[in-house]
Amino acid sequence: MPSEPEIGGYNVSTDWPKLGPSLLIATCLVLAIRTAKWPATFENTSSNPELDKEIEYATFLASRVMASLVSQRERLFPQKREAWYQPKEEDVPK
């Protein structure tokens, strides 16, 4: 019966799936601030090139800020621990 592998330690890294909601909220805030003074209108069309440009720009800004923060201040964000295992005798080439 094979024995359980022995945990050698843990790698700690950013938990990327948990950052999705943060990026969505940040993008919406940037968009809201940039369009706050626009007149309230309702168009029954799915196309508004001016709004589309603002959405793209808000996404760009939020992504840049998130990437910068994650690369420089990774510990601000949710972390996950992934175990790494010690090799057993039968795993080591002879």
PDB file of N, CA and C in Angstrom:
ATOM      1  N   MET A   1       0.850  -1.176   0.000  1.00  0.00           N
ATOM      2  CA  MET A   1       0.000   0.000   0.000  1.00  0.00           C
ATOM      3  C   MET A   1       0.897   1.241   0.000  1.00  0.00           C
ATOM      4  N   PRO A   2       0.745   2.113  -0.987  1.00  0.00           N
ATOM      5  CA  PRO A   2       1.603   3.286  -1.046  1.00  0.00           C
ATOM      6  C   PRO A   2       1.307   4.256   0.098  1.00  0.00           C
ATOM      7  N   SER A   3       2.368   4.890   0.576  1.00  0.00           N
ATOM      8  CA  SER A   3       2.198   5.844   1.670  1.00  0.00           C
ATOM      9  C   SER A   3       1.826   7.218   1.107  1.00  0.00           C
ATOM     10  N   GLU A   4       1.232   8.011   1.965  1.00  0.00           N
ATOM     11  CA  GLU A   4       0.861   9.375   1.584  1.00  0.00           C
ATOM     12  C   GLU A   4       2.129  10.200   1.370  1.00  0.00           C
ATOM     13  N   PRO A   5       2.145  11.051   0.342  1.00  0.00           N
ATOM     14  CA  PRO A   5       3.320  11.905   0.166  1.00  0.00           C
ATOM     15  C   PRO A   5       3.434  12.906   1.315  1.00  0.00           C
ATOM     16  N   GLU A   6       4.666  13.227   1.657  1.00  0.00           N
ATOM     17  CA  GLU A   6       4.912  14.157   2.751  1.00  0.00           C
ATOM     18  C   GLU A   6       4.948  15.583   2.208  1.00  0.00           C
ATOM     19  N   ILE A   7       4.183  16.464   2.836  1.00  0.00           N
ATOM     20  CA  ILE A   7       4.160  17.870   2.410  1.00  0.00           C
ATOM     21  C   ILE A   7       5.488  18.516   2.778  1.00  0.00           C
ATOM     22  N   GLY A   8       6.126  19.130   1.779  1.00  0.00           N
ATOM     23  CA  GLY A   8       7.413  19.783   2.005  1.00  0.00           C
ATOM     24  C   GLY A   8       7.274  21.251   2.369  1.00  0.00           C
ATOM     25  N   GLY A   9       6.144  21.832   2.038  1.00  0.00           N
ATOM     26  CA  GLY A   9       5.908  23.239   2.325  1.00  0.00           C
ATOM     27  C   GLY A   9       4.746  23.744   1.483  1.00  0.00           C
ATOM     28  N   TYR A  10       4.618  25.044   1.441  1.00  0.00           N
ATOM     29  CA  TYR A  10       3.512  25.654   0.712  1.00  0.00           C
ATOM     30  C   TYR A  10       4.018  26.813  -0.139  1.00  0.00           C
ATOM     31  N   ASN A  11       3.450  26.935  -1.332  1.00  0.00           N
ATOM     32  CA  ASN A  11       3.662  28.115  -2.159  1.00  0.00           C
ATOM     33  C   ASN A  11       2.445  29.014  -1.958  1.00  0.00           C
ATOM     34  N   VAL A  12       2.696  30.287  -1.679  1.00  0.00           N
ATOM     35  CA  VAL A  12       1.613  31.245  -1.483  1.00  0.00           C
ATOM     36  C   VAL A  12       1.556  32.126  -2.721  1.00  0.00           C
ATOM     37  N   SER A  13       0.364  32.235  -3.305  1.00  0.00           N
ATOM     38  CA  SER A  13       0.209  33.061  -4.498  1.00  0.00           C
ATOM     39  C   SER A  13      -1.148  33.759  -4.468  1.00  0.00           C
ATOM     40  N   THR A  14      -1.310  34.736  -5.326  1.00  0.00           N
ATOM     41  CA  THR A  14      -2.562  35.472  -5.422  1.00  0.00           C
ATOM     42  C   THR A  14      -3.664  34.546  -5.923  1.00  0.00           C
ATOM     43  N   ASP A  15      -4.808  34.616  -5.300  1.00  0.00           N
ATOM     44  CA  ASP A  15      -5.963  33.807  -5.705  1.00  0.00           C
ATOM     45  C   ASP A  15      -6.722  34.568  -6.792  1.00  0.00           C
ATOM     46  N   TRP A  16      -6.316  34.360  -8.036  1.00  0.00           N
ATOM     47  CA  TRP A  16      -6.830  35.134  -9.177  1.00  0.00           C
ATOM     48  C   TRP A  16      -8.337  35.075  -9.339  1.00  0.00           C
ATOM     49  N   PRO A  17      -9.009  33.936  -9.181  1.00  0.00           N
ATOM     50  CA  PRO A  17     -10.465  33.942  -9.360  1.00  0.00           C
ATOM     51  C   PRO A  17     -11.195  34.897  -8.415  1.00  0.00           C
ATOM     52  N   LYS A  18     -10.631  35.155  -7.263  1.00  0.00           N
ATOM     53  CA  LYS A  18     -11.273  36.062  -6.320  1.00  0.00           C
ATOM     54  C   LYS A  18     -11.092  37.530  -6.703  1.00  0.00           C
ATOM     55  N   LEU A  19     -10.233  37.826  -7.671  1.00  0.00           N
ATOM     56  CA  LEU A  19     -10.009  39.208  -8.081  1.00  0.00           C
ATOM     57  C   LEU A  19     -11.033  39.684  -9.110  1.00  0.00           C
ATOM     58  N   GLY A  20     -11.774  38.774  -9.711  1.00  0.00           N
ATOM     59  CA  GLY A  20     -12.764  39.146 -10.720  1.00  0.00           C
ATOM     60  C   GLY A  20     -13.765  40.181 -10.232  1.00  0.00           C
ATOM     61  N   PRO A  21     -14.418  39.941  -9.091  1.00  0.00           N
ATOM     62  CA  PRO A  21     -15.366  40.944  -8.595  1.00  0.00           C
ATOM     63  C   PRO A  21     -14.705  42.287  -8.297  1.00  0.00           C
ATOM     64  N   SER A  22     -13.488  42.271  -7.805  1.00  0.00           N
ATOM     65  CA  SER A  22     -12.784  43.528  -7.528  1.00  0.00           C
ATOM     66  C   SER A  22     -12.547  44.316  -8.806  1.00  0.00           C
ATOM     67  N   LEU A  23     -12.151  43.615  -9.856  1.00  0.00           N
ATOM     68  CA  LEU A  23     -11.908  44.280 -11.139  1.00  0.00           C
ATOM     69  C   LEU A  23     -13.211  44.818 -11.724  1.00  0.00           C
ATOM     70  N   LEU A  24     -14.287  44.072 -11.597  1.00  0.00           N
ATOM     71  CA  LEU A  24     -15.588  44.538 -12.085  1.00  0.00           C
ATOM     72  C   LEU A  24     -16.037  45.799 -11.347  1.00  0.00           C
ATOM     73  N   ILE A  25     -15.925  45.797 -10.036  1.00  0.00           N
ATOM     74  CA  ILE A  25     -16.319  46.958  -9.235  1.00  0.00           C
ATOM     75  C   ILE A  25     -15.448  48.164  -9.579  1.00  0.00           C
ATOM     76  N   ALA A  26     -14.146  47.955  -9.696  1.00  0.00           N
ATOM     77  CA  ALA A  26     -13.239  49.059 -10.032  1.00  0.00           C
ATOM     78  C   ALA A  26     -13.578  49.642 -11.401  1.00  0.00           C
ATOM     79  N   THR A  27     -13.859  48.789 -12.372  1.00  0.00           N
ATOM     80  CA  THR A  27     -14.216  49.258 -13.711  1.00  0.00           C
ATOM     81  C   THR A  27     -15.499  50.071 -13.673  1.00  0.00           C
ATOM     82  N   CYS A  28     -16.487  49.590 -12.948  1.00  0.00           N
ATOM     83  CA  CYS A  28     -17.763  50.317 -12.847  1.00  0.00           C
ATOM     84  C   CYS A  28     -17.588  51.668 -12.159  1.00  0.00           C
ATOM     85  N   LEU A  29     -16.747  51.730 -11.133  1.00  0.00           N
ATOM     86  CA  LEU A  29     -16.500  53.011 -10.457  1.00  0.00           C
ATOM     87  C   LEU A  29     -15.822  54.014 -11.385  1.00  0.00           C
ATOM     88  N   VAL A  30     -14.822  53.560 -12.133  1.00  0.00           N
ATOM     89  CA  VAL A  30     -14.150  54.452 -13.085  1.00  0.00           C
ATOM     90  C   VAL A  30     -15.157  54.943 -14.118  1.00  0.00           C
ATOM     91  N   LEU A  31     -15.962  54.052 -14.641  1.00  0.00           N
ATOM     92  CA  LEU A  31     -16.965  54.421 -15.641  1.00  0.00           C
ATOM     93  C   LEU A  31     -17.975  55.412 -15.058  1.00  0.00           C
ATOM     94  N   ALA A  32     -18.440  55.168 -13.838  1.00  0.00           N
ATOM     95  CA  ALA A  32     -19.412  56.059 -13.203  1.00  0.00           C
ATOM     96  C   ALA A  32     -18.838  57.458 -12.999  1.00  0.00           C
ATOM     97  N   ILE A  33     -17.595  57.525 -12.565  1.00  0.00           N
ATOM     98  CA  ILE A  33     -16.970  58.836 -12.344  1.00  0.00           C
ATOM     99  C   ILE A  33     -16.783  59.579 -13.655  1.00  0.00           C
ATOM    100  N   ARG A  34     -16.330  58.863 -14.692  1.00  0.00           N
ATOM    101  CA  ARG A  34     -16.072  59.514 -15.977  1.00  0.00           C
ATOM    102  C   ARG A  34     -17.348  59.955 -16.689  1.00  0.00           C
ATOM    103  N   THR A  35     -18.473  59.298 -16.414  1.00  0.00           N
ATOM    104  CA  THR A  35     -19.715  59.640 -17.120  1.00  0.00           C
ATOM    105  C   THR A  35     -20.736  60.322 -16.215  1.00  0.00           C
ATOM    106  N   ALA A  36     -20.353  60.720 -15.023  1.00  0.00           N
ATOM    107  CA  ALA A  36     -21.291  61.285 -14.047  1.00  0.00           C
ATOM    108  C   ALA A  36     -21.996  62.542 -14.562  1.00  0.00           C
ATOM    109  N   LYS A  37     -21.347  63.336 -15.361  1.00  0.00           N
ATOM    110  CA  LYS A  37     -21.948  64.587 -15.831  1.00  0.00           C
ATOM    111  C   LYS A  37     -22.648  64.454 -17.178  1.00  0.00           C
ATOM    112  N   TRP A  38     -22.727  63.234 -17.694  1.00  0.00           N
ATOM    113  CA  TRP A  38     -23.448  63.030 -18.953  1.00  0.00           C
ATOM    114  C   TRP A  38     -24.940  63.213 -18.688  1.00  0.00           C
ATOM    115  N   PRO A  39     -25.658  63.755 -19.651  1.00  0.00           N
ATOM    116  CA  PRO A  39     -27.111  63.862 -19.448  1.00  0.00           C
ATOM    117  C   PRO A  39     -27.751  62.463 -19.450  1.00  0.00           C
ATOM    118  N   ALA A  40     -28.760  62.314 -18.623  1.00  0.00           N
ATOM    119  CA  ALA A  40     -29.454  61.029 -18.551  1.00  0.00           C
ATOM    120  C   ALA A  40     -30.298  60.846 -19.809  1.00  0.00           C
ATOM    121  N   THR A  41     -30.010  59.802 -20.552  1.00  0.00           N
ATOM    122  CA  THR A  41     -30.777  59.504 -21.770  1.00  0.00           C
ATOM    123  C   THR A  41     -31.023  58.007 -21.828  1.00  0.00           C
ATOM    124  N   PHE A  42     -32.031  57.644 -22.565  1.00  0.00           N
ATOM    125  CA  PHE A  42     -32.305  56.229 -22.786  1.00  0.00           C
ATOM    126  C   PHE A  42     -32.504  56.033 -24.272  1.00  0.00           C
ATOM    127  N   GLU A  43     -31.657  55.205 -24.842  1.00  0.00           N
ATOM    128  CA  GLU A  43     -31.784  54.879 -26.251  1.00  0.00           C
ATOM    129  C   GLU A  43     -32.116  53.405 -26.355  1.00  0.00           C
ATOM    130  N   ASN A  44     -33.039  53.082 -27.205  1.00  0.00           N
ATOM    131  CA  ASN A  44     -33.461  51.697 -27.359  1.00  0.00           C
ATOM    132  C   ASN A  44     -32.575  50.948 -28.344  1.00  0.00           C
ATOM    133  N   THR A  45     -31.318  51.333 -28.425  1.00  0.00           N
ATOM    134  CA  THR A  45     -30.386  50.640 -29.310  1.00  0.00           C
ATOM    135  C   THR A  45     -29.277  50.032 -28.481  1.00  0.00           C
ATOM    136  N   SER A  46     -28.650  49.037 -29.035  1.00  0.00           N
ATOM    137  CA  SER A  46     -27.561  48.388 -28.304  1.00  0.00           C
ATOM    138  C   SER A  46     -26.219  49.009 -28.645  1.00  0.00           C
ATOM    139  N   SER A  47     -26.217  50.017 -29.488  1.00  0.00           N
ATOM    140  CA  SER A  47     -24.965  50.618 -29.919  1.00  0.00           C
ATOM    141  C   SER A  47     -24.885  52.077 -29.485  1.00  0.00           C
ATOM    142  N   ASN A  48     -23.826  52.380 -28.765  1.00  0.00           N
ATOM    143  CA  ASN A  48     -23.534  53.753 -28.383  1.00  0.00           C
ATOM    144  C   ASN A  48     -22.011  53.858 -28.397  1.00  0.00           C
ATOM    145  N   PRO A  49     -21.424  54.280 -29.524  1.00  0.00           N
ATOM    146  CA  PRO A  49     -19.968  54.286 -29.653  1.00  0.00           C
ATOM    147  C   PRO A  49     -19.248  55.089 -28.574  1.00  0.00           C
ATOM    148  N   GLU A  50     -19.838  56.197 -28.155  1.00  0.00           N
ATOM    149  CA  GLU A  50     -19.199  57.023 -27.124  1.00  0.00           C
ATOM    150  C   GLU A  50     -19.130  56.273 -25.789  1.00  0.00           C
ATOM    151  N   LEU A  51     -20.222  55.618 -25.414  1.00  0.00           N
ATOM    152  CA  LEU A  51     -20.239  54.829 -24.180  1.00  0.00           C
ATOM    153  C   LEU A  51     -19.322  53.623 -24.302  1.00  0.00           C
ATOM    154  N   ASP A  52     -19.306  52.977 -25.456  1.00  0.00           N
ATOM    155  CA  ASP A  52     -18.414  51.836 -25.672  1.00  0.00           C
ATOM    156  C   ASP A  52     -16.954  52.228 -25.465  1.00  0.00           C
ATOM    157  N   LYS A  53     -16.574  53.414 -25.961  1.00  0.00           N
ATOM    158  CA  LYS A  53     -15.197  53.898 -25.760  1.00  0.00           C
ATOM    159  C   LYS A  53     -14.907  54.111 -24.277  1.00  0.00           C
ATOM    160  N   GLU A  54     -15.862  54.674 -23.560  1.00  0.00           N
ATOM    161  CA  GLU A  54     -15.668  54.909 -22.121  1.00  0.00           C
ATOM    162  C   GLU A  54     -15.552  53.596 -21.358  1.00  0.00           C
ATOM    163  N   ILE A  55     -16.342  52.601 -21.740  1.00  0.00           N
ATOM    164  CA  ILE A  55     -16.259  51.287 -21.082  1.00  0.00           C
ATOM    165  C   ILE A  55     -14.894  50.663 -21.333  1.00  0.00           C
ATOM    166  N   GLU A  56     -14.423  50.721 -22.562  1.00  0.00           N
ATOM    167  CA  GLU A  56     -13.095  50.175 -22.887  1.00  0.00           C
ATOM    168  C   GLU A  56     -12.006  50.889 -22.097  1.00  0.00           C
ATOM    169  N   TYR A  57     -12.110  52.218 -21.998  1.00  0.00           N
ATOM    170  CA  TYR A  57     -11.101  52.984 -21.272  1.00  0.00           C
ATOM    171  C   TYR A  57     -11.150  52.674 -19.773  1.00  0.00           C
ATOM    172  N   ALA A  58     -12.355  52.562 -19.212  1.00  0.00           N
ATOM    173  CA  ALA A  58     -12.488  52.226 -17.790  1.00  0.00           C
ATOM    174  C   ALA A  58     -11.895  50.850 -17.509  1.00  0.00           C
ATOM    175  N   THR A  59     -12.140  49.899 -18.401  1.00  0.00           N
ATOM    176  CA  THR A  59     -11.577  48.557 -18.253  1.00  0.00           C
ATOM    177  C   THR A  59     -10.057  48.599 -18.317  1.00  0.00           C
ATOM    178  N   PHE A  60      -9.537  49.373 -19.265  1.00  0.00           N
ATOM    179  CA  PHE A  60      -8.095  49.528 -19.408  1.00  0.00           C
ATOM    180  C   PHE A  60      -7.468  50.107 -18.133  1.00  0.00           C
ATOM    181  N   LEU A  61      -8.056  51.199 -17.621  1.00  0.00           N
ATOM    182  CA  LEU A  61      -7.512  51.826 -16.408  1.00  0.00           C
ATOM    183  C   LEU A  61      -7.568  50.901 -15.202  1.00  0.00           C
ATOM    184  N   ALA A  62      -8.703  50.263 -14.985  1.00  0.00           N
ATOM    185  CA  ALA A  62      -8.843  49.371 -13.823  1.00  0.00           C
ATOM    186  C   ALA A  62      -7.880  48.190 -13.925  1.00  0.00           C
ATOM    187  N   SER A  63      -7.711  47.651 -15.126  1.00  0.00           N
ATOM    188  CA  SER A  63      -6.780  46.527 -15.313  1.00  0.00           C
ATOM    189  C   SER A  63      -5.345  46.940 -15.058  1.00  0.00           C
ATOM    190  N   ARG A  64      -4.969  48.135 -15.526  1.00  0.00           N
ATOM    191  CA  ARG A  64      -3.607  48.619 -15.293  1.00  0.00           C
ATOM    192  C   ARG A  64      -3.328  48.820 -13.813  1.00  0.00           C
ATOM    193  N   VAL A  65      -4.279  49.410 -13.110  1.00  0.00           N
ATOM    194  CA  VAL A  65      -4.099  49.633 -11.667  1.00  0.00           C
ATOM    195  C   VAL A  65      -4.012  48.296 -10.936  1.00  0.00           C
ATOM    196  N   MET A  66      -4.904  47.367 -11.282  1.00  0.00           N
ATOM    197  CA  MET A  66      -4.894  46.048 -10.636  1.00  0.00           C
ATOM    198  C   MET A  66      -3.574  45.329 -10.888  1.00  0.00           C
ATOM    199  N   ALA A  67      -3.093  45.350 -12.133  1.00  0.00           N
ATOM    200  CA  ALA A  67      -1.831  44.684 -12.462  1.00  0.00           C
ATOM    201  C   ALA A  67      -0.672  45.301 -11.699  1.00  0.00           C
ATOM    202  N   SER A  68      -0.664  46.612 -11.600  1.00  0.00           N
ATOM    203  CA  SER A  68       0.405  47.295 -10.873  1.00  0.00           C
ATOM    204  C   SER A  68       0.366  46.938  -9.384  1.00  0.00           C
ATOM    205  N   LEU A  69      -0.813  46.956  -8.800  1.00  0.00           N
ATOM    206  CA  LEU A  69      -0.928  46.629  -7.379  1.00  0.00           C
ATOM    207  C   LEU A  69      -0.556  45.177  -7.094  1.00  0.00           C
ATOM    208  N   VAL A  70      -0.998  44.270  -7.950  1.00  0.00           N
ATOM    209  CA  VAL A  70      -0.681  42.855  -7.731  1.00  0.00           C
ATOM    210  C   VAL A  70       0.818  42.619  -7.856  1.00  0.00           C
ATOM    211  N   SER A  71       1.467  43.284  -8.818  1.00  0.00           N
ATOM    212  CA  SER A  71       2.905  43.061  -8.988  1.00  0.00           C
ATOM    213  C   SER A  71       3.730  43.698  -7.874  1.00  0.00           C
ATOM    214  N   GLN A  72       3.257  44.795  -7.304  1.00  0.00           N
ATOM    215  CA  GLN A  72       4.042  45.493  -6.277  1.00  0.00           C
ATOM    216  C   GLN A  72       3.564  45.229  -4.854  1.00  0.00           C
ATOM    217  N   ARG A  73       2.289  44.952  -4.682  1.00  0.00           N
ATOM    218  CA  ARG A  73       1.708  44.771  -3.349  1.00  0.00           C
ATOM    219  C   ARG A  73       0.799  43.540  -3.321  1.00  0.00           C
ATOM    220  N   GLU A  74       1.356  42.400  -3.688  1.00  0.00           N
ATOM    221  CA  GLU A  74       0.583  41.170  -3.838  1.00  0.00           C
ATOM    222  C   GLU A  74      -0.177  40.791  -2.571  1.00  0.00           C
ATOM    223  N   ARG A  75       0.365  41.098  -1.428  1.00  0.00           N
ATOM    224  CA  ARG A  75      -0.248  40.696  -0.154  1.00  0.00           C
ATOM    225  C   ARG A  75      -1.542  41.457   0.159  1.00  0.00           C
ATOM    226  N   LEU A  76      -1.866  42.505  -0.596  1.00  0.00           N
ATOM    227  CA  LEU A  76      -3.128  43.221  -0.391  1.00  0.00           C
ATOM    228  C   LEU A  76      -4.333  42.381  -0.807  1.00  0.00           C
ATOM    229  N   PHE A  77      -4.101  41.385  -1.633  1.00  0.00           N
ATOM    230  CA  PHE A  77      -5.182  40.628  -2.253  1.00  0.00           C
ATOM    231  C   PHE A  77      -5.293  39.232  -1.646  1.00  0.00           C
ATOM    232  N   PRO A  78      -6.451  38.567  -1.857  1.00  0.00           N
ATOM    233  CA  PRO A  78      -6.626  37.214  -1.314  1.00  0.00           C
ATOM    234  C   PRO A  78      -5.509  36.284  -1.785  1.00  0.00           C
ATOM    235  N   GLN A  79      -5.014  35.488  -0.871  1.00  0.00           N
ATOM    236  CA  GLN A  79      -3.927  34.560  -1.165  1.00  0.00           C
ATOM    237  C   GLN A  79      -4.421  33.125  -1.043  1.00  0.00           C
ATOM    238  N   LYS A  80      -3.758  32.230  -1.750  1.00  0.00           N
ATOM    239  CA  LYS A  80      -4.045  30.808  -1.587  1.00  0.00           C
ATOM    240  C   LYS A  80      -2.735  30.084  -1.335  1.00  0.00           C
ATOM    241  N   ARG A  81      -2.839  29.009  -0.578  1.00  0.00           N
ATOM    242  CA  ARG A  81      -1.670  28.184  -0.262  1.00  0.00           C
ATOM    243  C   ARG A  81      -1.790  26.883  -1.025  1.00  0.00           C
ATOM    244  N   GLU A  82      -0.755  26.564  -1.773  1.00  0.00           N
ATOM    245  CA  GLU A  82      -0.715  25.305  -2.511  1.00  0.00           C
ATOM    246  C   GLU A  82       0.436  24.472  -1.976  1.00  0.00           C
ATOM    247  N   ALA A  83       0.119  23.274  -1.547  1.00  0.00           N
ATOM    248  CA  ALA A  83       1.148  22.396  -0.977  1.00  0.00           C
ATOM    249  C   ALA A  83       2.068  21.871  -2.073  1.00  0.00           C
ATOM    250  N   TRP A  84       3.346  21.720  -1.710  1.00  0.00           N
ATOM    251  CA  TRP A  84       4.277  20.980  -2.579  1.00  0.00           C
ATOM    252  C   TRP A  84       4.797  19.817  -1.742  1.00  0.00           C
ATOM    253  N   TYR A  85       5.119  18.744  -2.418  1.00  0.00           N
ATOM    254  CA  TYR A  85       5.404  17.490  -1.722  1.00  0.00           C
ATOM    255  C   TYR A  85       6.862  17.076  -1.863  1.00  0.00           C
ATOM    256  N   GLN A  86       7.371  16.434  -0.811  1.00  0.00           N
ATOM    257  CA  GLN A  86       8.710  15.869  -0.812  1.00  0.00           C
ATOM    258  C   GLN A  86       8.710  14.637  -1.721  1.00  0.00           C
ATOM    259  N   PRO A  87       9.714  14.467  -2.550  1.00  0.00           N
ATOM    260  CA  PRO A  87       9.753  13.244  -3.356  1.00  0.00           C
ATOM    261  C   PRO A  87      10.030  12.027  -2.466  1.00  0.00           C
ATOM    262  N   LYS A  88       9.420  10.918  -2.835  1.00  0.00           N
ATOM    263  CA  LYS A  88       9.670   9.654  -2.116  1.00  0.00           C
ATOM    264  C   LYS A  88      10.845   8.950  -2.804  1.00  0.00           C
ATOM    265  N   GLU A  89      11.358   7.933  -2.154  1.00  0.00           N
ATOM    266  CA  GLU A  89      12.526   7.218  -2.701  1.00  0.00           C
ATOM    267  C   GLU A  89      12.256   6.698  -4.111  1.00  0.00           C
ATOM    268  N   GLU A  90      11.041   6.172  -4.344  1.00  0.00           N
ATOM    269  CA  GLU A  90      10.755   5.617  -5.669  1.00  0.00           C
ATOM    270  C   GLU A  90      10.595   6.706  -6.734  1.00  0.00           C
ATOM    271  N   ASP A  91      10.438   7.979  -6.319  1.00  0.00           N
ATOM    272  CA  ASP A  91      10.315   9.094  -7.268  1.00  0.00           C
ATOM    273  C   ASP A  91      11.655   9.666  -7.707  1.00  0.00           C
ATOM    274  N   VAL A  92      12.714   9.354  -6.953  1.00  0.00           N
ATOM    275  CA  VAL A  92      14.032   9.913  -7.241  1.00  0.00           C
ATOM    276  C   VAL A  92      14.768   8.978  -8.207  1.00  0.00           C
ATOM    277  N   PRO A  93      15.213   9.495  -9.383  1.00  0.00           N
ATOM    278  CA  PRO A  93      15.952   8.641 -10.309  1.00  0.00           C
ATOM    279  C   PRO A  93      17.291   8.200  -9.721  1.00  0.00           C
ATOM    280  N   LYS A  94      17.701   6.999 -10.070  1.00  0.00           N
ATOM    281  CA  LYS A  94      18.970   6.478  -9.534  1.00  0.00           C
ATOM    282  C   LYS A  94      20.004   6.407 -10.626  1.00  0.00           C
TER     283      LYS A  94
END
